[in-house]
């Protein structure tokens, strides 16, 4: 789907809470710093790193547009700050822990835990206070960076769902590129 260059508004796709089926994050071109989320042939969201050596990514879906960037002040482990692309307002802060886990805290006060399960083909997921996985990511084996994503039906009602989806893909991408501290 297209975006208009002047306004940068995502057009022609459904909100993420309405996306069903096989949800796959993949890199459309080998050397481009971009990940796209697709359900079949429908493009639902994207993450684009505009600078070759930068950590800042532009995250976009029908739900909105955000800037995800490394948050250096958190700790040696790194973290991420999520800002609204239009206003620059802080939406959420992700703090990592030592075991590739962490917590995201939204400006609204909502918190979700980034957890990991398994070793060889580990699953990473966001879970709420009830410890139920809400959005799950799992790397597929192969030459390209591909992540299967599932969304629990309970997560579809969350206003934070779009940011959880995009931030999860961002975290997966940094972890698989060996940049764990970002």
N, C-alpha and C. Protein backbone atom coordinates (compact mmCIF):
# COMPACT_ATOMS: atom_id res chain seq x y z
N UNK A 1 0.84 -1.18 0.00
CA UNK A 1 0.00 0.00 0.00
C UNK A 1 0.88 1.23 0.00
N UNK A 2 0.32 2.32 -0.34
CA UNK A 2 1.12 3.52 -0.57
C UNK A 2 1.02 4.50 0.59
N UNK A 3 2.03 5.33 0.67
CA UNK A 3 2.00 6.46 1.57
C UNK A 3 2.22 7.70 0.72
N UNK A 4 1.63 8.79 1.11
CA UNK A 4 1.87 10.02 0.37
C UNK A 4 3.09 10.69 0.94
N UNK A 5 3.98 11.14 0.09
CA UNK A 5 5.27 11.66 0.56
C UNK A 5 5.12 12.97 1.32
N UNK A 6 4.19 13.82 0.95
CA UNK A 6 4.06 15.11 1.61
C UNK A 6 3.52 14.97 3.04
N UNK A 7 2.50 14.15 3.22
CA UNK A 7 1.85 14.04 4.52
C UNK A 7 2.30 12.79 5.25
N UNK A 8 2.75 11.78 4.54
CA UNK A 8 3.16 10.50 5.10
C UNK A 8 2.02 9.84 5.88
N UNK A 9 0.89 9.71 5.23
CA UNK A 9 -0.26 9.04 5.83
C UNK A 9 -0.43 7.69 5.16
N UNK A 10 -0.53 6.66 5.95
CA UNK A 10 -0.70 5.30 5.45
C UNK A 10 -2.11 5.17 4.89
N UNK A 11 -2.24 4.62 3.71
CA UNK A 11 -3.57 4.52 3.10
C UNK A 11 -3.85 3.10 2.64
N UNK A 12 -5.12 2.74 2.65
CA UNK A 12 -5.58 1.52 2.02
C UNK A 12 -5.43 0.23 2.79
N UNK A 13 -5.20 0.28 4.09
CA UNK A 13 -5.10 -0.97 4.85
C UNK A 13 -5.97 -0.92 6.10
N UNK A 14 -6.18 -2.09 6.64
CA UNK A 14 -6.98 -2.21 7.86
C UNK A 14 -6.15 -1.90 9.10
N UNK A 15 -6.80 -1.47 10.17
CA UNK A 15 -6.09 -1.34 11.45
C UNK A 15 -5.57 -2.71 11.88
N UNK A 16 -4.50 -2.73 12.64
CA UNK A 16 -3.88 -3.99 13.05
C UNK A 16 -4.82 -4.88 13.86
N UNK A 17 -5.74 -4.30 14.62
CA UNK A 17 -6.65 -5.13 15.41
C UNK A 17 -7.62 -5.93 14.53
N UNK A 18 -7.74 -5.54 13.26
CA UNK A 18 -8.62 -6.24 12.32
C UNK A 18 -7.86 -7.21 11.42
N UNK A 19 -6.58 -7.37 11.64
CA UNK A 19 -5.75 -8.24 10.80
C UNK A 19 -5.78 -9.67 11.33
N UNK A 20 -6.15 -10.59 10.47
CA UNK A 20 -6.21 -12.00 10.84
C UNK A 20 -5.44 -12.82 9.81
N UNK A 21 -5.26 -14.09 10.09
CA UNK A 21 -4.57 -14.97 9.15
C UNK A 21 -3.10 -15.11 9.52
N UNK A 22 -2.32 -15.56 8.55
CA UNK A 22 -0.88 -15.72 8.75
C UNK A 22 -0.23 -14.35 8.70
N UNK A 23 0.27 -13.90 9.83
CA UNK A 23 0.91 -12.59 9.92
C UNK A 23 2.42 -12.79 9.92
N UNK A 24 3.08 -12.23 8.91
CA UNK A 24 4.51 -12.45 8.71
C UNK A 24 5.24 -11.11 8.56
N UNK A 25 6.27 -10.92 9.38
CA UNK A 25 7.20 -9.80 9.22
C UNK A 25 8.35 -10.30 8.36
N UNK A 26 8.72 -9.57 7.32
CA UNK A 26 9.85 -9.97 6.49
C UNK A 26 10.52 -8.74 5.88
N UNK A 27 11.67 -8.96 5.35
CA UNK A 27 12.43 -7.91 4.67
C UNK A 27 12.15 -8.04 3.18
N UNK A 28 11.50 -7.03 2.56
CA UNK A 28 11.13 -7.16 1.15
C UNK A 28 12.32 -7.14 0.18
N UNK A 29 13.39 -6.45 0.55
CA UNK A 29 14.58 -6.39 -0.28
C UNK A 29 15.79 -6.67 0.60
N UNK A 30 16.70 -7.45 0.09
CA UNK A 30 17.83 -7.93 0.87
C UNK A 30 18.64 -6.82 1.52
N UNK A 31 18.99 -5.78 0.80
CA UNK A 31 19.89 -4.76 1.34
C UNK A 31 19.19 -3.54 1.90
N UNK A 32 17.89 -3.53 1.89
CA UNK A 32 17.15 -2.39 2.42
C UNK A 32 16.85 -2.59 3.90
N UNK A 33 16.98 -1.55 4.67
CA UNK A 33 16.72 -1.62 6.12
C UNK A 33 15.25 -1.37 6.36
N UNK A 34 14.47 -2.39 6.09
CA UNK A 34 13.02 -2.28 6.20
C UNK A 34 12.44 -3.65 6.54
N UNK A 35 11.41 -3.66 7.38
CA UNK A 35 10.61 -4.85 7.64
C UNK A 35 9.18 -4.49 7.33
N UNK A 36 8.45 -5.44 6.74
CA UNK A 36 7.03 -5.22 6.48
C UNK A 36 6.22 -6.36 7.09
N UNK A 37 5.05 -6.02 7.58
CA UNK A 37 4.12 -7.01 8.11
C UNK A 37 3.05 -7.23 7.06
N UNK A 38 2.86 -8.50 6.70
CA UNK A 38 1.86 -8.84 5.71
C UNK A 38 0.97 -9.97 6.21
N UNK A 39 -0.28 -9.92 5.77
CA UNK A 39 -1.24 -11.02 5.95
C UNK A 39 -1.56 -11.45 4.52
N UNK A 40 -0.97 -12.55 4.09
CA UNK A 40 -1.09 -12.92 2.68
C UNK A 40 -0.36 -11.89 1.85
N UNK A 41 -1.06 -11.27 0.90
CA UNK A 41 -0.43 -10.25 0.07
C UNK A 41 -0.76 -8.83 0.54
N UNK A 42 -1.50 -8.71 1.64
CA UNK A 42 -1.88 -7.39 2.15
C UNK A 42 -0.81 -6.86 3.09
N UNK A 43 -0.31 -5.69 2.78
CA UNK A 43 0.69 -5.04 3.63
C UNK A 43 -0.03 -4.29 4.75
N UNK A 44 0.35 -4.59 5.99
CA UNK A 44 -0.33 -4.03 7.16
C UNK A 44 0.49 -2.99 7.90
N UNK A 45 1.81 -3.13 7.88
CA UNK A 45 2.66 -2.22 8.66
C UNK A 45 4.08 -2.29 8.12
N UNK A 46 4.89 -1.29 8.50
CA UNK A 46 6.29 -1.31 8.11
C UNK A 46 7.15 -0.65 9.18
N UNK A 47 8.39 -1.08 9.19
CA UNK A 47 9.45 -0.46 10.00
C UNK A 47 10.56 -0.11 9.01
N UNK A 48 10.98 1.14 8.97
CA UNK A 48 12.03 1.57 8.06
C UNK A 48 13.10 2.29 8.86
N UNK A 49 14.36 1.89 8.68
CA UNK A 49 15.50 2.56 9.29
C UNK A 49 16.09 3.47 8.22
N UNK A 50 15.82 4.79 8.28
CA UNK A 50 16.26 5.69 7.22
C UNK A 50 17.78 5.82 7.08
N UNK A 51 18.51 5.71 8.18
CA UNK A 51 19.97 5.86 8.14
C UNK A 51 20.62 4.49 8.18
N UNK A 52 21.66 4.33 7.37
CA UNK A 52 22.33 3.05 7.26
C UNK A 52 22.84 2.54 8.59
N UNK A 53 23.45 3.39 9.40
CA UNK A 53 24.01 2.95 10.68
C UNK A 53 23.21 3.46 11.87
N UNK A 54 21.99 3.91 11.64
CA UNK A 54 21.18 4.45 12.72
C UNK A 54 20.29 3.42 13.36
N UNK A 55 19.83 3.75 14.54
CA UNK A 55 18.92 2.88 15.28
C UNK A 55 17.49 3.40 15.24
N UNK A 56 17.30 4.61 14.74
CA UNK A 56 15.96 5.18 14.68
C UNK A 56 15.19 4.56 13.52
N UNK A 57 13.96 4.11 13.84
CA UNK A 57 13.10 3.51 12.82
C UNK A 57 11.78 4.26 12.78
N UNK A 58 11.22 4.34 11.58
CA UNK A 58 9.89 4.91 11.39
C UNK A 58 8.94 3.72 11.31
N UNK A 59 7.98 3.68 12.21
CA UNK A 59 7.01 2.59 12.30
C UNK A 59 5.66 3.12 11.83
N UNK A 60 5.02 2.38 10.93
CA UNK A 60 3.81 2.90 10.33
C UNK A 60 2.79 1.79 10.05
N UNK A 61 1.54 2.11 10.32
CA UNK A 61 0.41 1.23 9.99
C UNK A 61 -0.80 2.12 9.78
N UNK A 62 -1.93 1.51 9.50
CA UNK A 62 -3.16 2.29 9.35
C UNK A 62 -3.54 2.97 10.66
N UNK A 63 -2.99 2.49 11.76
CA UNK A 63 -3.30 3.02 13.09
C UNK A 63 -2.53 4.30 13.40
N UNK A 64 -1.44 4.56 12.70
CA UNK A 64 -0.65 5.75 12.98
C UNK A 64 0.79 5.59 12.56
N UNK A 65 1.58 6.55 12.98
CA UNK A 65 3.00 6.60 12.63
C UNK A 65 3.79 6.99 13.87
N UNK A 66 4.87 6.24 14.15
CA UNK A 66 5.68 6.45 15.33
C UNK A 66 7.15 6.44 14.96
N UNK A 67 7.96 7.04 15.82
CA UNK A 67 9.41 6.99 15.70
C UNK A 67 9.91 6.15 16.87
N UNK A 68 10.67 5.10 16.56
CA UNK A 68 11.26 4.24 17.58
C UNK A 68 12.75 4.50 17.56
N UNK A 69 13.30 4.79 18.71
CA UNK A 69 14.72 5.10 18.76
C UNK A 69 15.35 4.55 20.02
N UNK A 70 16.62 4.33 19.95
CA UNK A 70 17.38 3.85 21.10
C UNK A 70 17.29 4.89 22.22
N UNK A 71 17.11 4.40 23.41
CA UNK A 71 16.99 5.26 24.59
C UNK A 71 18.22 5.04 25.45
N UNK A 72 19.26 5.81 25.23
CA UNK A 72 20.57 5.60 25.88
C UNK A 72 20.55 5.80 27.38
N UNK A 73 19.68 6.62 27.88
CA UNK A 73 19.71 6.95 29.30
C UNK A 73 19.16 5.83 30.19
N UNK A 74 18.55 4.82 29.60
CA UNK A 74 17.92 3.78 30.41
C UNK A 74 18.96 3.01 31.23
N UNK A 75 19.92 2.41 30.57
CA UNK A 75 20.96 1.64 31.25
C UNK A 75 21.95 1.14 30.21
N UNK A 76 22.93 0.38 30.67
CA UNK A 76 23.86 -0.23 29.73
C UNK A 76 23.17 -1.23 28.82
N UNK A 77 22.02 -1.72 29.22
CA UNK A 77 21.28 -2.70 28.43
C UNK A 77 20.57 -2.06 27.25
N UNK A 78 20.39 -0.78 27.31
CA UNK A 78 19.67 -0.11 26.25
C UNK A 78 18.17 -0.19 26.47
N UNK A 79 17.47 0.35 25.56
CA UNK A 79 16.03 0.38 25.62
C UNK A 79 15.54 1.15 24.41
N UNK A 80 14.29 1.49 24.42
CA UNK A 80 13.72 2.15 23.26
C UNK A 80 12.68 3.17 23.71
N UNK A 81 12.66 4.27 23.03
CA UNK A 81 11.68 5.31 23.25
C UNK A 81 10.77 5.35 22.03
N UNK A 82 9.46 5.37 22.24
CA UNK A 82 8.49 5.44 21.15
C UNK A 82 7.82 6.81 21.21
N UNK A 83 7.91 7.55 20.10
CA UNK A 83 7.30 8.88 20.03
C UNK A 83 6.29 8.93 18.89
N UNK A 84 5.25 9.72 19.06
CA UNK A 84 4.30 9.98 17.99
C UNK A 84 5.04 10.78 16.92
N UNK A 85 4.97 10.33 15.66
CA UNK A 85 5.74 10.98 14.59
C UNK A 85 5.25 12.39 14.31
N UNK A 86 3.97 12.65 14.47
CA UNK A 86 3.42 13.97 14.15
C UNK A 86 3.71 15.00 15.24
N UNK A 87 3.61 14.60 16.50
CA UNK A 87 3.73 15.56 17.59
C UNK A 87 5.05 15.48 18.34
N UNK A 88 5.74 14.35 18.24
CA UNK A 88 6.97 14.14 19.00
C UNK A 88 6.71 13.73 20.44
N UNK A 89 5.44 13.60 20.82
CA UNK A 89 5.08 13.23 22.19
C UNK A 89 5.52 11.80 22.49
N UNK A 90 6.04 11.59 23.69
CA UNK A 90 6.44 10.25 24.11
C UNK A 90 5.20 9.39 24.32
N UNK A 91 5.19 8.24 23.67
CA UNK A 91 4.07 7.30 23.76
C UNK A 91 4.40 6.17 24.73
N UNK A 92 5.65 5.68 24.67
CA UNK A 92 6.04 4.54 25.51
C UNK A 92 7.55 4.50 25.65
N UNK A 93 7.99 3.84 26.73
CA UNK A 93 9.41 3.61 26.98
C UNK A 93 9.60 2.12 27.26
N UNK A 94 10.52 1.52 26.52
CA UNK A 94 10.83 0.10 26.69
C UNK A 94 12.17 -0.01 27.41
N UNK A 95 12.18 -0.76 28.50
CA UNK A 95 13.41 -0.99 29.27
C UNK A 95 13.75 -2.48 29.20
N UNK A 96 14.96 -2.76 28.75
CA UNK A 96 15.41 -4.15 28.62
C UNK A 96 16.03 -4.64 29.92
N UNK A 97 16.02 -5.97 30.08
CA UNK A 97 16.74 -6.60 31.18
C UNK A 97 17.80 -7.52 30.59
N UNK A 98 18.53 -8.20 31.43
CA UNK A 98 19.66 -9.01 30.97
C UNK A 98 19.28 -10.20 30.11
N UNK A 99 18.11 -10.75 30.24
CA UNK A 99 17.78 -12.01 29.58
C UNK A 99 16.93 -11.82 28.33
N UNK A 100 17.15 -10.74 27.59
CA UNK A 100 16.37 -10.43 26.38
C UNK A 100 14.89 -10.28 26.71
N UNK A 101 14.62 -9.79 27.90
CA UNK A 101 13.26 -9.52 28.32
C UNK A 101 13.20 -8.04 28.69
N UNK A 102 12.06 -7.58 29.13
CA UNK A 102 11.95 -6.19 29.53
C UNK A 102 10.52 -5.78 29.78
N UNK A 103 10.32 -4.49 29.93
CA UNK A 103 8.99 -3.93 30.20
C UNK A 103 8.80 -2.67 29.39
N UNK A 104 7.61 -2.55 28.81
CA UNK A 104 7.25 -1.30 28.13
C UNK A 104 6.20 -0.62 28.99
N UNK A 105 6.41 0.68 29.20
CA UNK A 105 5.46 1.48 29.97
C UNK A 105 4.94 2.58 29.05
N UNK A 106 3.63 2.63 28.91
CA UNK A 106 2.98 3.63 28.06
C UNK A 106 2.70 4.89 28.86
N UNK A 107 2.59 6.00 28.16
CA UNK A 107 2.28 7.28 28.81
C UNK A 107 0.96 7.19 29.57
N UNK A 108 0.07 6.31 29.14
CA UNK A 108 -1.22 6.11 29.81
C UNK A 108 -1.08 5.40 31.15
N UNK A 109 0.10 4.80 31.40
CA UNK A 109 0.31 4.05 32.63
C UNK A 109 0.27 2.54 32.42
N UNK A 110 -0.22 2.09 31.28
CA UNK A 110 -0.29 0.65 30.99
C UNK A 110 1.13 0.09 30.85
N UNK A 111 1.31 -1.15 31.32
CA UNK A 111 2.60 -1.83 31.24
C UNK A 111 2.43 -3.22 30.68
N UNK A 112 3.41 -3.64 29.87
CA UNK A 112 3.43 -4.97 29.30
C UNK A 112 4.85 -5.50 29.42
N UNK A 113 4.97 -6.81 29.60
CA UNK A 113 6.26 -7.45 29.74
C UNK A 113 6.66 -8.13 28.44
N UNK A 114 7.91 -7.93 28.03
CA UNK A 114 8.50 -8.61 26.88
C UNK A 114 9.20 -9.83 27.43
N UNK A 115 8.72 -11.01 27.07
CA UNK A 115 9.24 -12.26 27.63
C UNK A 115 9.74 -13.17 26.51
N UNK A 116 10.42 -14.20 26.94
CA UNK A 116 11.01 -15.16 26.01
C UNK A 116 10.75 -16.56 26.52
N UNK A 117 10.51 -17.48 25.57
CA UNK A 117 10.27 -18.88 25.92
C UNK A 117 11.00 -19.74 24.91
N UNK A 118 11.74 -20.73 25.39
CA UNK A 118 12.45 -21.63 24.49
C UNK A 118 13.89 -21.20 24.26
N UNK A 119 14.62 -22.02 23.50
CA UNK A 119 16.03 -21.71 23.26
C UNK A 119 16.36 -21.64 21.77
N UNK A 120 16.24 -22.76 21.04
CA UNK A 120 16.67 -22.78 19.64
C UNK A 120 15.80 -21.91 18.75
N UNK A 121 14.53 -22.07 18.82
CA UNK A 121 13.60 -21.22 18.06
C UNK A 121 12.72 -20.52 19.08
N UNK A 122 13.34 -19.68 19.83
CA UNK A 122 12.65 -19.02 20.95
C UNK A 122 11.48 -18.19 20.45
N UNK A 123 10.45 -18.15 21.28
CA UNK A 123 9.32 -17.25 21.04
C UNK A 123 9.49 -16.06 21.96
N UNK A 124 9.25 -14.88 21.43
CA UNK A 124 9.23 -13.66 22.22
C UNK A 124 7.80 -13.15 22.20
N UNK A 125 7.37 -12.58 23.30
CA UNK A 125 5.97 -12.14 23.32
C UNK A 125 5.76 -11.04 24.34
N UNK A 126 4.73 -10.26 24.07
CA UNK A 126 4.24 -9.26 25.02
C UNK A 126 3.17 -9.91 25.85
N UNK A 127 3.20 -9.69 27.16
CA UNK A 127 2.13 -10.19 28.01
C UNK A 127 1.70 -9.10 28.98
N UNK A 128 0.45 -9.17 29.35
CA UNK A 128 -0.13 -8.22 30.28
C UNK A 128 0.02 -8.70 31.70
N UNK A 129 -0.65 -8.03 32.63
CA UNK A 129 -0.55 -8.38 34.06
C UNK A 129 -1.00 -9.80 34.37
N UNK A 130 -1.88 -10.38 33.54
CA UNK A 130 -2.36 -11.74 33.79
C UNK A 130 -1.40 -12.81 33.28
N UNK A 131 -0.22 -12.39 32.76
CA UNK A 131 0.83 -13.30 32.27
C UNK A 131 0.41 -14.07 31.02
N UNK A 132 -0.61 -13.63 30.33
CA UNK A 132 -1.08 -14.27 29.11
C UNK A 132 -0.38 -13.64 27.91
N UNK A 133 0.24 -14.44 27.01
CA UNK A 133 0.86 -13.88 25.81
C UNK A 133 -0.18 -13.18 24.93
N UNK A 134 0.10 -11.93 24.60
CA UNK A 134 -0.83 -11.13 23.79
C UNK A 134 -0.42 -11.07 22.33
N UNK A 135 0.85 -10.79 22.08
CA UNK A 135 1.40 -10.75 20.73
C UNK A 135 2.69 -11.55 20.76
N UNK A 136 2.79 -12.57 19.92
CA UNK A 136 3.92 -13.50 19.93
C UNK A 136 4.69 -13.40 18.62
N UNK A 137 6.02 -13.43 18.72
CA UNK A 137 6.91 -13.38 17.56
C UNK A 137 7.81 -14.61 17.61
N UNK A 138 7.99 -15.26 16.45
CA UNK A 138 8.91 -16.39 16.38
C UNK A 138 9.67 -16.32 15.06
N UNK A 139 11.00 -16.40 15.15
CA UNK A 139 11.83 -16.38 13.95
C UNK A 139 11.62 -17.66 13.16
N UNK A 140 11.57 -17.51 11.84
CA UNK A 140 11.53 -18.66 10.95
C UNK A 140 12.95 -18.96 10.52
N UNK A 141 13.27 -20.22 10.32
CA UNK A 141 14.60 -20.59 9.87
C UNK A 141 14.73 -20.25 8.39
N UNK A 142 15.90 -19.79 8.00
CA UNK A 142 16.15 -19.46 6.60
C UNK A 142 17.17 -18.36 6.45
N UNK A 143 17.43 -17.95 5.22
CA UNK A 143 18.44 -16.94 4.94
C UNK A 143 17.97 -15.54 5.26
N UNK A 144 16.69 -15.31 5.11
CA UNK A 144 16.17 -13.97 5.36
C UNK A 144 15.62 -13.86 6.76
N UNK A 145 15.54 -12.63 7.22
CA UNK A 145 14.96 -12.35 8.52
C UNK A 145 13.44 -12.36 8.37
N UNK A 146 12.80 -13.38 8.93
CA UNK A 146 11.35 -13.53 8.85
C UNK A 146 10.83 -13.90 10.23
N UNK A 147 9.76 -13.23 10.65
CA UNK A 147 9.16 -13.51 11.95
C UNK A 147 7.68 -13.79 11.77
N UNK A 148 7.24 -14.93 12.30
CA UNK A 148 5.81 -15.22 12.37
C UNK A 148 5.26 -14.44 13.56
N UNK A 149 4.07 -13.89 13.40
CA UNK A 149 3.46 -13.15 14.50
C UNK A 149 2.03 -13.64 14.70
N UNK A 150 1.66 -13.84 15.96
CA UNK A 150 0.28 -14.17 16.28
C UNK A 150 -0.23 -13.16 17.30
N UNK A 151 -1.51 -12.88 17.18
CA UNK A 151 -2.15 -11.93 18.08
C UNK A 151 -3.29 -12.65 18.79
N UNK A 152 -3.24 -12.69 20.11
CA UNK A 152 -4.30 -13.30 20.90
C UNK A 152 -5.57 -12.47 20.74
N UNK A 153 -6.73 -13.12 20.65
CA UNK A 153 -7.97 -12.36 20.51
C UNK A 153 -8.17 -11.30 21.60
N UNK A 154 -7.69 -11.55 22.81
CA UNK A 154 -7.83 -10.57 23.90
C UNK A 154 -7.05 -9.29 23.62
N UNK A 155 -5.98 -9.39 22.82
CA UNK A 155 -5.14 -8.22 22.54
C UNK A 155 -5.79 -7.27 21.54
N UNK A 156 -6.74 -7.75 20.77
CA UNK A 156 -7.36 -6.93 19.72
C UNK A 156 -8.12 -5.74 20.27
N UNK A 157 -8.53 -5.79 21.52
CA UNK A 157 -9.27 -4.68 22.12
C UNK A 157 -8.34 -3.61 22.72
N UNK A 158 -7.04 -3.90 22.78
CA UNK A 158 -6.10 -2.97 23.42
C UNK A 158 -5.79 -1.78 22.51
N UNK A 159 -5.87 -0.59 23.05
CA UNK A 159 -5.50 0.59 22.28
C UNK A 159 -3.99 0.62 22.01
N UNK A 160 -3.22 -0.10 22.83
CA UNK A 160 -1.76 -0.14 22.69
C UNK A 160 -1.29 -1.18 21.67
N UNK A 161 -2.21 -1.96 21.09
CA UNK A 161 -1.83 -3.05 20.19
C UNK A 161 -0.92 -2.61 19.05
N UNK A 162 -1.21 -1.54 18.32
CA UNK A 162 -0.30 -1.17 17.21
C UNK A 162 1.14 -0.94 17.66
N UNK A 163 1.34 -0.27 18.77
CA UNK A 163 2.70 -0.01 19.25
C UNK A 163 3.34 -1.31 19.72
N UNK A 164 2.60 -2.20 20.37
CA UNK A 164 3.15 -3.49 20.79
C UNK A 164 3.62 -4.29 19.58
N UNK A 165 2.84 -4.29 18.51
CA UNK A 165 3.20 -5.02 17.29
C UNK A 165 4.48 -4.45 16.69
N UNK A 166 4.54 -3.14 16.54
CA UNK A 166 5.68 -2.49 15.90
C UNK A 166 6.93 -2.54 16.79
N UNK A 167 6.76 -2.32 18.08
CA UNK A 167 7.90 -2.37 18.99
C UNK A 167 8.44 -3.79 19.11
N UNK A 168 7.57 -4.79 19.08
CA UNK A 168 8.02 -6.18 19.11
C UNK A 168 8.86 -6.54 17.90
N UNK A 169 8.44 -6.10 16.71
CA UNK A 169 9.22 -6.35 15.50
C UNK A 169 10.56 -5.63 15.56
N UNK A 170 10.56 -4.41 16.10
CA UNK A 170 11.79 -3.64 16.26
C UNK A 170 12.76 -4.39 17.18
N UNK A 171 12.26 -4.87 18.31
CA UNK A 171 13.09 -5.62 19.26
C UNK A 171 13.62 -6.91 18.64
N UNK A 172 12.79 -7.61 17.90
CA UNK A 172 13.22 -8.85 17.23
C UNK A 172 14.32 -8.55 16.22
N UNK A 173 14.15 -7.49 15.46
CA UNK A 173 15.14 -7.14 14.44
C UNK A 173 16.49 -6.80 15.07
N UNK A 174 16.46 -6.01 16.14
CA UNK A 174 17.72 -5.65 16.79
C UNK A 174 18.38 -6.88 17.43
N UNK A 175 17.59 -7.75 18.02
CA UNK A 175 18.15 -8.95 18.64
C UNK A 175 18.77 -9.87 17.59
N UNK A 176 18.13 -10.05 16.44
CA UNK A 176 18.68 -10.96 15.44
C UNK A 176 19.84 -10.35 14.68
N UNK A 177 19.99 -9.02 14.75
CA UNK A 177 21.15 -8.41 14.09
C UNK A 177 22.33 -8.31 15.06
N UNK A 178 22.14 -8.80 16.29
CA UNK A 178 23.22 -8.79 17.26
C UNK A 178 23.36 -7.50 18.02
N UNK A 179 22.37 -6.61 17.94
CA UNK A 179 22.43 -5.32 18.62
C UNK A 179 21.53 -5.35 19.83
N UNK A 180 21.76 -6.30 20.71
CA UNK A 180 20.90 -6.53 21.87
C UNK A 180 20.76 -5.32 22.78
N UNK A 181 21.76 -4.53 22.89
CA UNK A 181 21.72 -3.41 23.80
C UNK A 181 21.00 -2.20 23.26
N UNK A 182 20.19 -2.37 22.24
CA UNK A 182 19.53 -1.23 21.62
C UNK A 182 18.04 -1.32 21.74
